[in-house]
Amino acid sequence: MQNPFRIIKYVLRTEKGTDMEIQNKYIFCVDKKSNKIQIKDAIEFIYRVKVQNINTATMPGKKRRVRYKTGKTPEWKKAVVTLQKGQKIKLA
């Protein structure tokens, strides 16, 4: 198993994400090369909870402009993790 702290980068704290916490769903930014099984094992190892379901999506990079040059932000992968009933992740 890979290092779980390299698979899970950080928790996405957005308005949509905080609304989903009522449904026992949490949104994470994860390593682009990781799969659902690795993400599940990493979440269960780090937070000591039981995962019921995982949905992943690769988010495309956006075009950005700095002065006269155009560029693009990198692509990233997000995972929506659904926990089993009675499980909770304490976030600060």
N, C-alpha and C. Protein backbone atom coordinates (compact mmCIF):
# COMPACT_ATOMS: atom_id res chain seq x y z
N MET A 1 0.84 -1.18 0.00
CA MET A 1 0.00 0.00 0.00
C MET A 1 0.88 1.24 0.00
N GLN A 2 0.49 2.22 -0.80
CA GLN A 2 1.21 3.47 -0.83
C GLN A 2 1.01 4.22 0.49
N ASN A 3 1.80 5.25 0.66
CA ASN A 3 1.64 6.09 1.84
C ASN A 3 0.28 6.79 1.76
N PRO A 4 -0.62 6.58 2.75
CA PRO A 4 -1.95 7.18 2.67
C PRO A 4 -1.93 8.70 2.70
N PHE A 5 -0.90 9.28 3.28
CA PHE A 5 -0.80 10.73 3.37
C PHE A 5 -0.38 11.35 2.03
N ARG A 6 0.10 10.53 1.10
CA ARG A 6 0.39 11.03 -0.25
C ARG A 6 -0.82 10.89 -1.16
N ILE A 7 -1.71 9.95 -0.84
CA ILE A 7 -2.91 9.76 -1.64
C ILE A 7 -3.93 10.86 -1.34
N ILE A 8 -4.18 11.12 -0.06
CA ILE A 8 -5.13 12.16 0.34
C ILE A 8 -4.35 13.45 0.55
N LYS A 9 -4.64 14.46 -0.28
CA LYS A 9 -3.91 15.73 -0.16
C LYS A 9 -4.54 16.62 0.89
N TYR A 10 -5.83 16.91 0.76
CA TYR A 10 -6.52 17.75 1.74
C TYR A 10 -8.03 17.63 1.57
N VAL A 11 -8.75 18.12 2.57
CA VAL A 11 -10.21 18.14 2.54
C VAL A 11 -10.64 19.44 1.86
N LEU A 12 -11.57 19.34 0.92
CA LEU A 12 -12.09 20.53 0.27
C LEU A 12 -13.18 21.14 1.16
N ARG A 13 -12.93 22.34 1.63
CA ARG A 13 -13.90 23.03 2.49
C ARG A 13 -14.62 24.06 1.64
N THR A 14 -15.74 23.66 1.05
CA THR A 14 -16.54 24.55 0.23
C THR A 14 -17.96 24.58 0.78
N GLU A 15 -18.75 25.49 0.27
CA GLU A 15 -20.14 25.59 0.71
C GLU A 15 -20.91 24.32 0.35
N LYS A 16 -20.67 23.82 -0.83
CA LYS A 16 -21.33 22.58 -1.25
C LYS A 16 -20.88 21.40 -0.38
N GLY A 17 -19.60 21.38 -0.05
CA GLY A 17 -19.07 20.30 0.77
C GLY A 17 -19.63 20.29 2.18
N THR A 18 -19.81 21.47 2.76
CA THR A 18 -20.37 21.53 4.12
C THR A 18 -21.85 21.15 4.11
N ASP A 19 -22.57 21.44 3.02
CA ASP A 19 -23.96 21.00 2.92
C ASP A 19 -24.05 19.48 2.79
N MET A 20 -23.05 18.87 2.19
CA MET A 20 -23.06 17.41 1.99
C MET A 20 -22.70 16.65 3.26
N GLU A 21 -22.11 17.31 4.26
CA GLU A 21 -21.75 16.63 5.50
C GLU A 21 -22.98 16.10 6.23
N ILE A 22 -24.13 16.70 6.02
CA ILE A 22 -25.37 16.23 6.63
C ILE A 22 -25.72 14.84 6.09
N GLN A 23 -25.38 14.59 4.83
CA GLN A 23 -25.64 13.30 4.20
C GLN A 23 -24.50 12.30 4.42
N ASN A 24 -23.57 12.63 5.30
CA ASN A 24 -22.40 11.78 5.58
C ASN A 24 -21.45 11.69 4.38
N LYS A 25 -21.31 12.77 3.61
CA LYS A 25 -20.41 12.80 2.46
C LYS A 25 -19.36 13.88 2.69
N TYR A 26 -18.12 13.55 2.32
CA TYR A 26 -17.00 14.47 2.47
C TYR A 26 -16.24 14.52 1.16
N ILE A 27 -15.71 15.70 0.82
CA ILE A 27 -15.00 15.88 -0.45
C ILE A 27 -13.51 16.06 -0.17
N PHE A 28 -12.68 15.30 -0.87
CA PHE A 28 -11.23 15.33 -0.71
C PHE A 28 -10.56 15.60 -2.04
N CYS A 29 -9.43 16.29 -2.00
CA CYS A 29 -8.55 16.39 -3.14
C CYS A 29 -7.54 15.25 -3.00
N VAL A 30 -7.44 14.42 -4.03
CA VAL A 30 -6.61 13.22 -3.94
C VAL A 30 -5.57 13.22 -5.06
N ASP A 31 -4.62 12.30 -4.95
CA ASP A 31 -3.59 12.14 -5.97
C ASP A 31 -4.24 11.73 -7.28
N LYS A 32 -3.78 12.31 -8.35
CA LYS A 32 -4.38 12.10 -9.67
C LYS A 32 -4.27 10.65 -10.15
N LYS A 33 -3.25 9.94 -9.71
CA LYS A 33 -3.03 8.57 -10.16
C LYS A 33 -3.69 7.51 -9.27
N SER A 34 -4.30 7.91 -8.18
CA SER A 34 -4.87 6.94 -7.25
C SER A 34 -6.23 6.45 -7.74
N ASN A 35 -6.57 5.22 -7.34
CA ASN A 35 -7.87 4.66 -7.71
C ASN A 35 -8.77 4.60 -6.47
N LYS A 36 -10.00 4.13 -6.65
CA LYS A 36 -10.99 4.15 -5.57
C LYS A 36 -10.59 3.24 -4.40
N ILE A 37 -9.97 2.13 -4.69
CA ILE A 37 -9.57 1.20 -3.63
C ILE A 37 -8.47 1.84 -2.77
N GLN A 38 -7.50 2.49 -3.39
CA GLN A 38 -6.44 3.16 -2.64
C GLN A 38 -7.00 4.31 -1.82
N ILE A 39 -7.95 5.06 -2.38
CA ILE A 39 -8.55 6.18 -1.65
C ILE A 39 -9.32 5.66 -0.45
N LYS A 40 -10.08 4.58 -0.62
CA LYS A 40 -10.85 3.99 0.48
C LYS A 40 -9.92 3.54 1.61
N ASP A 41 -8.86 2.83 1.27
CA ASP A 41 -7.91 2.36 2.28
C ASP A 41 -7.25 3.53 3.02
N ALA A 42 -6.92 4.58 2.29
CA ALA A 42 -6.27 5.74 2.90
C ALA A 42 -7.21 6.47 3.85
N ILE A 43 -8.46 6.66 3.47
CA ILE A 43 -9.44 7.34 4.33
C ILE A 43 -9.68 6.52 5.59
N GLU A 44 -9.83 5.22 5.44
CA GLU A 44 -10.07 4.37 6.61
C GLU A 44 -8.86 4.34 7.54
N PHE A 45 -7.65 4.41 6.98
CA PHE A 45 -6.44 4.41 7.80
C PHE A 45 -6.26 5.73 8.53
N ILE A 46 -6.44 6.85 7.84
CA ILE A 46 -6.17 8.17 8.43
C ILE A 46 -7.24 8.56 9.44
N TYR A 47 -8.51 8.41 9.06
CA TYR A 47 -9.60 8.93 9.90
C TYR A 47 -10.28 7.87 10.76
N ARG A 48 -9.91 6.61 10.62
CA ARG A 48 -10.48 5.51 11.42
C ARG A 48 -12.00 5.44 11.30
N VAL A 49 -12.50 5.45 10.06
CA VAL A 49 -13.93 5.35 9.78
C VAL A 49 -14.15 4.25 8.74
N LYS A 50 -15.40 3.86 8.55
CA LYS A 50 -15.76 2.88 7.53
C LYS A 50 -16.38 3.60 6.34
N VAL A 51 -15.85 3.35 5.15
CA VAL A 51 -16.31 3.99 3.93
C VAL A 51 -17.34 3.10 3.25
N GLN A 52 -18.45 3.71 2.83
CA GLN A 52 -19.49 2.97 2.14
C GLN A 52 -19.34 3.08 0.63
N ASN A 53 -19.07 4.29 0.13
CA ASN A 53 -19.02 4.51 -1.32
C ASN A 53 -18.05 5.63 -1.64
N ILE A 54 -17.47 5.58 -2.84
CA ILE A 54 -16.57 6.65 -3.31
C ILE A 54 -16.91 6.98 -4.75
N ASN A 55 -17.05 8.26 -5.03
CA ASN A 55 -17.20 8.76 -6.40
C ASN A 55 -16.02 9.67 -6.69
N THR A 56 -15.39 9.49 -7.84
CA THR A 56 -14.24 10.31 -8.20
C THR A 56 -14.52 11.07 -9.48
N ALA A 57 -13.83 12.20 -9.63
CA ALA A 57 -13.93 13.01 -10.84
C ALA A 57 -12.61 13.72 -11.05
N THR A 58 -12.15 13.75 -12.31
CA THR A 58 -10.97 14.51 -12.66
C THR A 58 -11.42 15.89 -13.11
N MET A 59 -11.00 16.91 -12.39
CA MET A 59 -11.41 18.28 -12.68
C MET A 59 -10.42 18.89 -13.66
N PRO A 60 -10.91 19.46 -14.76
CA PRO A 60 -10.00 20.03 -15.76
C PRO A 60 -9.37 21.33 -15.26
N GLY A 61 -8.19 21.63 -15.77
CA GLY A 61 -7.54 22.88 -15.44
C GLY A 61 -8.22 24.05 -16.12
N LYS A 62 -8.12 25.21 -15.52
CA LYS A 62 -8.75 26.41 -16.08
C LYS A 62 -7.70 27.30 -16.74
N LYS A 63 -8.12 28.02 -17.75
CA LYS A 63 -7.22 28.96 -18.41
C LYS A 63 -7.08 30.20 -17.54
N ARG A 64 -5.86 30.65 -17.36
CA ARG A 64 -5.56 31.84 -16.57
C ARG A 64 -4.61 32.72 -17.36
N ARG A 65 -4.66 34.01 -17.06
CA ARG A 65 -3.79 34.95 -17.75
C ARG A 65 -3.06 35.79 -16.71
N VAL A 66 -1.75 35.91 -16.87
CA VAL A 66 -0.94 36.76 -16.03
C VAL A 66 -0.23 37.74 -16.95
N ARG A 67 -0.58 38.99 -16.82
CA ARG A 67 -0.09 40.05 -17.70
C ARG A 67 -0.35 39.70 -19.16
N TYR A 68 0.70 39.44 -19.92
CA TYR A 68 0.54 39.19 -21.35
C TYR A 68 0.58 37.71 -21.71
N LYS A 69 0.83 36.87 -20.76
CA LYS A 69 0.97 35.45 -21.04
C LYS A 69 -0.28 34.70 -20.58
N THR A 70 -0.67 33.72 -21.37
CA THR A 70 -1.78 32.86 -20.99
C THR A 70 -1.21 31.53 -20.53
N GLY A 71 -1.91 30.92 -19.61
CA GLY A 71 -1.47 29.63 -19.08
C GLY A 71 -2.67 28.81 -18.67
N LYS A 72 -2.40 27.75 -17.95
CA LYS A 72 -3.46 26.86 -17.54
C LYS A 72 -3.12 26.28 -16.17
N THR A 73 -4.11 26.22 -15.28
CA THR A 73 -3.89 25.58 -13.98
C THR A 73 -3.90 24.06 -14.18
N PRO A 74 -3.24 23.32 -13.33
CA PRO A 74 -3.16 21.87 -13.53
C PRO A 74 -4.49 21.17 -13.25
N GLU A 75 -4.67 20.02 -13.88
CA GLU A 75 -5.82 19.17 -13.59
C GLU A 75 -5.65 18.57 -12.20
N TRP A 76 -6.77 18.25 -11.55
CA TRP A 76 -6.72 17.63 -10.23
C TRP A 76 -7.89 16.67 -10.08
N LYS A 77 -7.80 15.80 -9.11
CA LYS A 77 -8.81 14.77 -8.93
C LYS A 77 -9.49 14.97 -7.59
N LYS A 78 -10.82 14.87 -7.58
CA LYS A 78 -11.55 14.98 -6.32
C LYS A 78 -12.31 13.69 -6.07
N ALA A 79 -12.51 13.39 -4.81
CA ALA A 79 -13.23 12.19 -4.40
C ALA A 79 -14.32 12.59 -3.42
N VAL A 80 -15.55 12.14 -3.69
CA VAL A 80 -16.66 12.32 -2.77
C VAL A 80 -16.82 11.00 -2.03
N VAL A 81 -16.54 11.04 -0.72
CA VAL A 81 -16.53 9.83 0.10
C VAL A 81 -17.80 9.79 0.94
N THR A 82 -18.56 8.70 0.83
CA THR A 82 -19.76 8.49 1.64
C THR A 82 -19.40 7.52 2.75
N LEU A 83 -19.67 7.92 3.98
CA LEU A 83 -19.38 7.06 5.13
C LEU A 83 -20.61 6.26 5.51
N GLN A 84 -20.38 5.16 6.23
CA GLN A 84 -21.49 4.35 6.72
C GLN A 84 -22.22 5.10 7.83
N LYS A 85 -23.45 4.68 8.10
CA LYS A 85 -24.25 5.34 9.13
C LYS A 85 -23.55 5.25 10.47
N GLY A 86 -23.60 6.34 11.21
CA GLY A 86 -22.97 6.38 12.53
C GLY A 86 -21.52 6.81 12.50
N GLN A 87 -20.91 6.88 11.33
CA GLN A 87 -19.51 7.30 11.20
C GLN A 87 -19.45 8.80 10.94
N LYS A 88 -18.40 9.44 11.42
CA LYS A 88 -18.24 10.88 11.23
C LYS A 88 -16.76 11.24 11.26
N ILE A 89 -16.40 12.25 10.46
CA ILE A 89 -15.05 12.77 10.46
C ILE A 89 -15.09 14.13 11.14
N LYS A 90 -14.28 14.30 12.17
CA LYS A 90 -14.25 15.59 12.87
C LYS A 90 -13.29 16.52 12.14
N LEU A 91 -13.85 17.60 11.62
CA LEU A 91 -13.05 18.62 10.93
C LEU A 91 -13.06 19.89 11.75
N ALA A 92 -11.93 20.57 11.79
CA ALA A 92 -11.82 21.79 12.60
C ALA A 92 -12.60 22.94 12.01
